[in-house]
Amino acid sequence: MAEKVEFASPEWFAALRTMFEAYARTAPAGMDFSVCEVFTSVPAHLDKDGSGVIAWHCRITPGRFDFAYGESEAVDMKTVTDYQFILPFARMKIGAETAEAYQKEMQVGLESGKIKRAGDGSKAPPELYAIHNDLADITA
């Protein structure tokens, strides 16, 4: 069993970067996708700058992965969400048996304002779901 790491901790981001870099090495020609996630009301021990926010963004193209902390508007898809709301999703594997429950709970988050999305999620390569599931395996 893989060692668990705290969601949005430096160790979690290191795992995310490693997984995305591996995908970028084998990404199909023409693939170009960028994403930004913003977590609000983060636990104090993860809040490096006292803002209550952890944000990151990246772009994946064949053979290249660019990652940076901070918020970006220049992405294909952006999600802003409450840390405690999204935590169960970060631990949940996405698959046939969980897809319906996942979508229902996401809709609750959208309707309550706990999550906001912008952009075109259909541009996300399907392999990102596998990366999400691999991260879910190690997310404490």
N, C-alpha and C. Protein backbone atom coordinates (compact mmCIF):
# COMPACT_ATOMS: atom_id res chain seq x y z
N MET A 1 0.84 -1.19 0.00
CA MET A 1 0.00 0.00 0.00
C MET A 1 0.89 1.25 0.00
N ALA A 2 0.54 2.19 -0.84
CA ALA A 2 1.31 3.42 -0.94
C ALA A 2 1.13 4.27 0.31
N GLU A 3 2.17 5.00 0.64
CA GLU A 3 2.10 5.90 1.79
C GLU A 3 1.12 7.03 1.49
N LYS A 4 0.27 7.36 2.45
CA LYS A 4 -0.72 8.42 2.29
C LYS A 4 -0.07 9.77 2.57
N VAL A 5 -0.50 10.77 1.80
CA VAL A 5 -0.04 12.14 2.01
C VAL A 5 -1.26 13.06 2.10
N GLU A 6 -1.10 14.13 2.82
CA GLU A 6 -2.22 15.06 3.02
C GLU A 6 -2.55 15.80 1.73
N PHE A 7 -3.84 15.92 1.46
CA PHE A 7 -4.32 16.63 0.28
C PHE A 7 -3.79 18.06 0.27
N ALA A 8 -3.23 18.47 -0.86
CA ALA A 8 -2.71 19.82 -1.11
C ALA A 8 -1.47 20.15 -0.27
N SER A 9 -0.83 19.13 0.29
CA SER A 9 0.43 19.34 1.01
C SER A 9 1.56 19.37 -0.01
N PRO A 10 2.74 19.81 0.39
CA PRO A 10 3.88 19.78 -0.54
C PRO A 10 4.13 18.37 -1.10
N GLU A 11 3.95 17.35 -0.27
CA GLU A 11 4.15 15.97 -0.74
C GLU A 11 3.10 15.56 -1.77
N TRP A 12 1.88 16.02 -1.58
CA TRP A 12 0.80 15.73 -2.53
C TRP A 12 1.10 16.39 -3.87
N PHE A 13 1.54 17.65 -3.82
CA PHE A 13 1.88 18.34 -5.07
C PHE A 13 3.08 17.71 -5.75
N ALA A 14 4.03 17.19 -4.99
CA ALA A 14 5.17 16.49 -5.60
C ALA A 14 4.68 15.26 -6.36
N ALA A 15 3.73 14.52 -5.78
CA ALA A 15 3.18 13.34 -6.45
C ALA A 15 2.41 13.76 -7.70
N LEU A 16 1.63 14.82 -7.61
CA LEU A 16 0.88 15.31 -8.76
C LEU A 16 1.83 15.67 -9.89
N ARG A 17 2.88 16.41 -9.58
CA ARG A 17 3.84 16.81 -10.61
C ARG A 17 4.50 15.59 -11.24
N THR A 18 4.88 14.62 -10.43
CA THR A 18 5.51 13.40 -10.96
C THR A 18 4.57 12.68 -11.93
N MET A 19 3.31 12.55 -11.55
CA MET A 19 2.33 11.86 -12.40
C MET A 19 2.07 12.63 -13.69
N PHE A 20 1.92 13.95 -13.61
CA PHE A 20 1.69 14.76 -14.81
C PHE A 20 2.91 14.75 -15.73
N GLU A 21 4.10 14.82 -15.17
CA GLU A 21 5.31 14.78 -15.99
C GLU A 21 5.40 13.47 -16.74
N ALA A 22 5.07 12.37 -16.08
CA ALA A 22 5.09 11.06 -16.73
C ALA A 22 4.08 11.02 -17.88
N TYR A 23 2.89 11.57 -17.66
CA TYR A 23 1.89 11.60 -18.73
C TYR A 23 2.38 12.45 -19.89
N ALA A 24 2.96 13.60 -19.60
CA ALA A 24 3.41 14.51 -20.67
C ALA A 24 4.43 13.82 -21.59
N ARG A 25 5.25 12.95 -21.02
CA ARG A 25 6.25 12.24 -21.83
C ARG A 25 5.61 11.36 -22.90
N THR A 26 4.38 10.90 -22.66
CA THR A 26 3.72 10.00 -23.62
C THR A 26 2.46 10.62 -24.22
N ALA A 27 2.22 11.91 -23.96
CA ALA A 27 1.01 12.56 -24.47
C ALA A 27 0.98 12.52 -25.99
N PRO A 28 -0.22 12.31 -26.56
CA PRO A 28 -0.32 12.24 -28.01
C PRO A 28 -0.05 13.58 -28.68
N ALA A 29 0.42 13.51 -29.89
CA ALA A 29 0.68 14.72 -30.68
C ALA A 29 -0.58 15.58 -30.73
N GLY A 30 -0.41 16.86 -30.62
CA GLY A 30 -1.53 17.79 -30.69
C GLY A 30 -2.24 18.02 -29.38
N MET A 31 -1.91 17.23 -28.36
CA MET A 31 -2.56 17.41 -27.07
C MET A 31 -2.03 18.69 -26.42
N ASP A 32 -2.94 19.51 -25.95
CA ASP A 32 -2.57 20.76 -25.28
C ASP A 32 -3.71 21.07 -24.31
N PHE A 33 -3.42 20.98 -23.01
CA PHE A 33 -4.46 21.19 -22.01
C PHE A 33 -3.87 21.93 -20.83
N SER A 34 -4.64 22.90 -20.33
CA SER A 34 -4.21 23.65 -19.15
C SER A 34 -5.33 23.69 -18.13
N VAL A 35 -4.94 23.70 -16.86
CA VAL A 35 -5.91 23.65 -15.77
C VAL A 35 -5.41 24.50 -14.61
N CYS A 36 -6.37 25.04 -13.86
CA CYS A 36 -6.07 25.76 -12.63
C CYS A 36 -7.05 25.29 -11.57
N GLU A 37 -6.53 25.02 -10.38
CA GLU A 37 -7.38 24.71 -9.23
C GLU A 37 -7.04 25.67 -8.11
N VAL A 38 -8.09 26.15 -7.46
CA VAL A 38 -7.96 27.07 -6.34
C VAL A 38 -8.72 26.46 -5.17
N PHE A 39 -8.03 26.22 -4.07
CA PHE A 39 -8.65 25.68 -2.87
C PHE A 39 -8.75 26.82 -1.85
N THR A 40 -9.95 27.07 -1.37
CA THR A 40 -10.18 28.15 -0.40
C THR A 40 -10.38 27.57 1.00
N SER A 41 -10.23 28.41 1.99
CA SER A 41 -10.39 28.01 3.41
C SER A 41 -9.53 26.80 3.74
N VAL A 42 -8.26 26.85 3.32
CA VAL A 42 -7.36 25.73 3.56
C VAL A 42 -6.94 25.71 5.03
N PRO A 43 -6.57 24.54 5.55
CA PRO A 43 -6.10 24.46 6.93
C PRO A 43 -4.88 25.37 7.14
N ALA A 44 -4.78 25.94 8.31
CA ALA A 44 -3.73 26.91 8.62
C ALA A 44 -2.33 26.36 8.37
N HIS A 45 -2.10 25.09 8.68
CA HIS A 45 -0.74 24.54 8.51
C HIS A 45 -0.34 24.38 7.05
N LEU A 46 -1.30 24.44 6.12
CA LEU A 46 -0.99 24.39 4.69
C LEU A 46 -0.95 25.77 4.05
N ASP A 47 -1.39 26.77 4.80
CA ASP A 47 -1.55 28.13 4.29
C ASP A 47 -0.24 28.90 4.42
N LYS A 48 0.60 28.80 3.38
CA LYS A 48 1.95 29.38 3.42
C LYS A 48 1.96 30.91 3.53
N ASP A 49 0.99 31.57 2.90
CA ASP A 49 1.04 33.03 2.86
C ASP A 49 -0.06 33.72 3.68
N GLY A 50 -0.85 32.93 4.42
CA GLY A 50 -1.88 33.52 5.27
C GLY A 50 -3.12 34.00 4.53
N SER A 51 -3.24 33.64 3.26
CA SER A 51 -4.40 34.08 2.46
C SER A 51 -5.60 33.16 2.60
N GLY A 52 -5.37 31.94 3.13
CA GLY A 52 -6.45 30.96 3.19
C GLY A 52 -6.66 30.22 1.88
N VAL A 53 -5.75 30.43 0.92
CA VAL A 53 -5.91 29.88 -0.43
C VAL A 53 -4.64 29.15 -0.86
N ILE A 54 -4.83 28.03 -1.52
CA ILE A 54 -3.76 27.35 -2.25
C ILE A 54 -4.24 27.25 -3.69
N ALA A 55 -3.43 27.74 -4.61
CA ALA A 55 -3.80 27.68 -6.03
C ALA A 55 -2.62 27.14 -6.82
N TRP A 56 -2.95 26.46 -7.91
CA TRP A 56 -1.92 25.96 -8.81
C TRP A 56 -2.48 25.91 -10.21
N HIS A 57 -1.59 25.93 -11.18
CA HIS A 57 -2.01 25.79 -12.57
C HIS A 57 -0.91 25.10 -13.36
N CYS A 58 -1.31 24.50 -14.47
CA CYS A 58 -0.34 23.80 -15.29
C CYS A 58 -0.82 23.73 -16.74
N ARG A 59 0.12 23.44 -17.61
CA ARG A 59 -0.15 23.16 -19.02
C ARG A 59 0.60 21.88 -19.36
N ILE A 60 -0.10 20.99 -20.06
CA ILE A 60 0.49 19.72 -20.49
C ILE A 60 0.44 19.68 -22.00
N THR A 61 1.59 19.46 -22.61
CA THR A 61 1.70 19.25 -24.04
C THR A 61 2.64 18.06 -24.23
N PRO A 62 2.67 17.47 -25.41
CA PRO A 62 3.55 16.31 -25.59
C PRO A 62 5.00 16.64 -25.22
N GLY A 63 5.52 15.88 -24.27
CA GLY A 63 6.89 16.04 -23.84
C GLY A 63 7.16 17.20 -22.90
N ARG A 64 6.11 17.93 -22.52
CA ARG A 64 6.33 19.10 -21.66
C ARG A 64 5.20 19.25 -20.64
N PHE A 65 5.61 19.57 -19.42
CA PHE A 65 4.68 19.84 -18.33
C PHE A 65 5.17 21.08 -17.61
N ASP A 66 4.37 22.13 -17.63
CA ASP A 66 4.69 23.38 -16.94
C ASP A 66 3.75 23.52 -15.75
N PHE A 67 4.32 23.68 -14.56
CA PHE A 67 3.55 23.77 -13.33
C PHE A 67 3.97 25.02 -12.56
N ALA A 68 2.99 25.69 -11.94
CA ALA A 68 3.30 26.83 -11.08
C ALA A 68 2.23 26.95 -10.01
N TYR A 69 2.65 27.41 -8.85
CA TYR A 69 1.68 27.76 -7.82
C TYR A 69 1.09 29.11 -8.19
N GLY A 70 -0.13 29.33 -7.77
CA GLY A 70 -0.80 30.59 -8.04
C GLY A 70 -1.99 30.38 -8.95
N GLU A 71 -2.82 31.38 -8.99
CA GLU A 71 -4.05 31.33 -9.78
C GLU A 71 -3.78 31.84 -11.19
N SER A 72 -4.47 31.28 -12.17
CA SER A 72 -4.35 31.72 -13.55
C SER A 72 -5.72 31.71 -14.22
N GLU A 73 -5.96 32.71 -15.01
CA GLU A 73 -7.18 32.77 -15.82
C GLU A 73 -6.93 32.20 -17.22
N ALA A 74 -5.67 32.12 -17.62
CA ALA A 74 -5.30 31.71 -18.97
C ALA A 74 -5.18 30.19 -19.05
N VAL A 75 -6.30 29.50 -18.76
CA VAL A 75 -6.33 28.03 -18.76
C VAL A 75 -7.59 27.55 -19.47
N ASP A 76 -7.57 26.28 -19.85
CA ASP A 76 -8.76 25.69 -20.48
C ASP A 76 -9.87 25.44 -19.47
N MET A 77 -9.49 25.08 -18.25
CA MET A 77 -10.48 24.75 -17.23
C MET A 77 -9.99 25.23 -15.88
N LYS A 78 -10.88 25.87 -15.14
CA LYS A 78 -10.53 26.38 -13.81
C LYS A 78 -11.61 25.99 -12.82
N THR A 79 -11.17 25.56 -11.65
CA THR A 79 -12.08 25.19 -10.56
C THR A 79 -11.66 25.95 -9.31
N VAL A 80 -12.64 26.58 -8.66
CA VAL A 80 -12.43 27.23 -7.38
C VAL A 80 -13.35 26.53 -6.40
N THR A 81 -12.78 26.00 -5.32
CA THR A 81 -13.59 25.20 -4.41
C THR A 81 -13.11 25.30 -2.97
N ASP A 82 -14.02 25.11 -2.07
CA ASP A 82 -13.75 25.04 -0.65
C ASP A 82 -12.95 23.76 -0.35
N TYR A 83 -11.87 23.88 0.39
CA TYR A 83 -11.00 22.75 0.70
C TYR A 83 -11.77 21.60 1.33
N GLN A 84 -12.54 21.86 2.37
CA GLN A 84 -13.27 20.78 3.05
C GLN A 84 -14.31 20.14 2.15
N PHE A 85 -14.92 20.92 1.27
CA PHE A 85 -15.91 20.35 0.35
C PHE A 85 -15.24 19.38 -0.62
N ILE A 86 -14.09 19.76 -1.17
CA ILE A 86 -13.47 18.95 -2.22
C ILE A 86 -12.66 17.77 -1.67
N LEU A 87 -12.32 17.80 -0.40
CA LEU A 87 -11.50 16.74 0.19
C LEU A 87 -12.04 15.33 -0.06
N PRO A 88 -13.33 15.06 0.16
CA PRO A 88 -13.83 13.70 -0.13
C PRO A 88 -13.69 13.32 -1.61
N PHE A 89 -13.80 14.29 -2.51
CA PHE A 89 -13.64 14.01 -3.94
C PHE A 89 -12.18 13.67 -4.26
N ALA A 90 -11.25 14.33 -3.56
CA ALA A 90 -9.84 14.06 -3.79
C ALA A 90 -9.48 12.63 -3.38
N ARG A 91 -10.25 12.07 -2.47
CA ARG A 91 -10.00 10.70 -2.00
C ARG A 91 -10.81 9.66 -2.77
N MET A 92 -11.76 10.10 -3.59
CA MET A 92 -12.68 9.20 -4.28
C MET A 92 -12.15 8.82 -5.66
N LYS A 93 -12.10 7.53 -5.92
CA LYS A 93 -11.72 7.08 -7.24
C LYS A 93 -12.92 7.22 -8.17
N ILE A 94 -12.65 7.65 -9.39
CA ILE A 94 -13.70 7.83 -10.39
C ILE A 94 -13.76 6.58 -11.25
N GLY A 95 -14.92 5.98 -11.30
CA GLY A 95 -15.12 4.77 -12.11
C GLY A 95 -16.60 4.57 -12.34
N ALA A 96 -16.94 3.50 -13.02
CA ALA A 96 -18.34 3.23 -13.36
C ALA A 96 -19.23 3.19 -12.13
N GLU A 97 -18.73 2.62 -11.04
CA GLU A 97 -19.55 2.45 -9.85
C GLU A 97 -19.67 3.73 -9.02
N THR A 98 -18.80 4.70 -9.25
CA THR A 98 -18.84 5.94 -8.45
C THR A 98 -19.24 7.17 -9.26
N ALA A 99 -19.30 7.05 -10.58
CA ALA A 99 -19.53 8.22 -11.44
C ALA A 99 -20.83 8.95 -11.11
N GLU A 100 -21.90 8.21 -10.90
CA GLU A 100 -23.20 8.86 -10.64
C GLU A 100 -23.18 9.61 -9.30
N ALA A 101 -22.67 8.99 -8.27
CA ALA A 101 -22.59 9.65 -6.95
C ALA A 101 -21.67 10.86 -7.03
N TYR A 102 -20.57 10.73 -7.73
CA TYR A 102 -19.62 11.82 -7.90
C TYR A 102 -20.32 13.02 -8.55
N GLN A 103 -21.03 12.77 -9.64
CA GLN A 103 -21.72 13.85 -10.35
C GLN A 103 -22.81 14.49 -9.50
N LYS A 104 -23.56 13.69 -8.76
CA LYS A 104 -24.62 14.24 -7.90
C LYS A 104 -24.04 15.16 -6.83
N GLU A 105 -22.97 14.72 -6.19
CA GLU A 105 -22.35 15.54 -5.14
C GLU A 105 -21.70 16.79 -5.72
N MET A 106 -21.13 16.68 -6.92
CA MET A 106 -20.58 17.87 -7.58
C MET A 106 -21.68 18.89 -7.87
N GLN A 107 -22.83 18.39 -8.29
CA GLN A 107 -23.96 19.28 -8.56
C GLN A 107 -24.39 20.01 -7.29
N VAL A 108 -24.40 19.31 -6.17
CA VAL A 108 -24.72 19.94 -4.88
C VAL A 108 -23.73 21.06 -4.62
N GLY A 109 -22.46 20.80 -4.86
CA GLY A 109 -21.43 21.81 -4.66
C GLY A 109 -21.60 23.01 -5.56
N LEU A 110 -21.94 22.77 -6.82
CA LEU A 110 -22.17 23.87 -7.76
C LEU A 110 -23.37 24.72 -7.33
N GLU A 111 -24.44 24.05 -6.94
CA GLU A 111 -25.67 24.77 -6.55
C GLU A 111 -25.49 25.54 -5.25
N SER A 112 -24.64 25.04 -4.36
CA SER A 112 -24.43 25.70 -3.07
C SER A 112 -23.31 26.74 -3.12
N GLY A 113 -22.59 26.81 -4.22
CA GLY A 113 -21.49 27.76 -4.34
C GLY A 113 -20.18 27.27 -3.74
N LYS A 114 -20.14 26.01 -3.28
CA LYS A 114 -18.90 25.46 -2.71
C LYS A 114 -17.87 25.15 -3.80
N ILE A 115 -18.34 25.08 -5.03
CA ILE A 115 -17.45 24.85 -6.16
C ILE A 115 -17.92 25.71 -7.32
N LYS A 116 -16.95 26.30 -8.01
CA LYS A 116 -17.23 27.10 -9.21
C LYS A 116 -16.30 26.61 -10.30
N ARG A 117 -16.86 26.46 -11.49
CA ARG A 117 -16.06 25.98 -12.61
C ARG A 117 -16.18 26.96 -13.77
N ALA A 118 -15.09 27.08 -14.50
CA ALA A 118 -15.08 27.90 -15.70
C ALA A 118 -14.26 27.17 -16.75
N GLY A 119 -14.62 27.39 -17.99
CA GLY A 119 -13.86 26.79 -19.08
C GLY A 119 -14.52 25.55 -19.63
N ASP A 120 -13.74 24.83 -20.42
CA ASP A 120 -14.24 23.67 -21.14
C ASP A 120 -13.57 22.39 -20.64
N GLY A 121 -14.27 21.70 -19.76
CA GLY A 121 -13.74 20.45 -19.20
C GLY A 121 -13.65 19.33 -20.22
N SER A 122 -14.36 19.45 -21.34
CA SER A 122 -14.31 18.39 -22.34
C SER A 122 -12.94 18.30 -23.01
N LYS A 123 -12.12 19.33 -22.85
CA LYS A 123 -10.77 19.29 -23.42
C LYS A 123 -9.81 18.43 -22.59
N ALA A 124 -10.22 18.08 -21.38
CA ALA A 124 -9.35 17.29 -20.50
C ALA A 124 -9.11 15.91 -21.09
N PRO A 125 -7.86 15.51 -21.21
CA PRO A 125 -7.58 14.17 -21.72
C PRO A 125 -8.09 13.12 -20.74
N PRO A 126 -8.65 12.02 -21.25
CA PRO A 126 -9.17 10.97 -20.37
C PRO A 126 -8.14 10.43 -19.40
N GLU A 127 -6.88 10.51 -19.75
CA GLU A 127 -5.82 10.02 -18.88
C GLU A 127 -5.77 10.77 -17.55
N LEU A 128 -6.32 11.98 -17.52
CA LEU A 128 -6.33 12.73 -16.26
C LEU A 128 -7.18 12.05 -15.20
N TYR A 129 -8.19 11.29 -15.62
CA TYR A 129 -8.99 10.54 -14.65
C TYR A 129 -8.14 9.45 -14.00
N ALA A 130 -7.27 8.83 -14.77
CA ALA A 130 -6.37 7.82 -14.21
C ALA A 130 -5.40 8.47 -13.22
N ILE A 131 -4.91 9.66 -13.56
CA ILE A 131 -4.03 10.39 -12.64
C ILE A 131 -4.80 10.75 -11.38
N HIS A 132 -6.05 11.22 -11.53
CA HIS A 132 -6.87 11.51 -10.35
C HIS A 132 -6.98 10.27 -9.47
N ASN A 133 -7.26 9.13 -10.07
CA ASN A 133 -7.41 7.89 -9.29
C ASN A 133 -6.12 7.48 -8.60
N ASP A 134 -4.99 7.68 -9.27
CA ASP A 134 -3.70 7.38 -8.64
C ASP A 134 -3.45 8.31 -7.46
N LEU A 135 -3.81 9.57 -7.60
CA LEU A 135 -3.69 10.52 -6.48
C LEU A 135 -4.65 10.16 -5.36
N ALA A 136 -5.86 9.73 -5.70
CA ALA A 136 -6.85 9.34 -4.69
C ALA A 136 -6.30 8.20 -3.82
N ASP A 137 -5.54 7.30 -4.44
CA ASP A 137 -4.95 6.18 -3.71
C ASP A 137 -4.01 6.63 -2.60
N ILE A 138 -3.36 7.78 -2.78
CA ILE A 138 -2.39 8.22 -1.78
C ILE A 138 -2.87 9.39 -0.94
N THR A 139 -4.07 9.91 -1.21
CA THR A 139 -4.56 11.10 -0.50
C THR A 139 -5.16 10.73 0.84
N ALA A 140 -4.56 11.29 1.89
CA ALA A 140 -5.04 11.05 3.25
C ALA A 140 -6.22 11.95 3.56
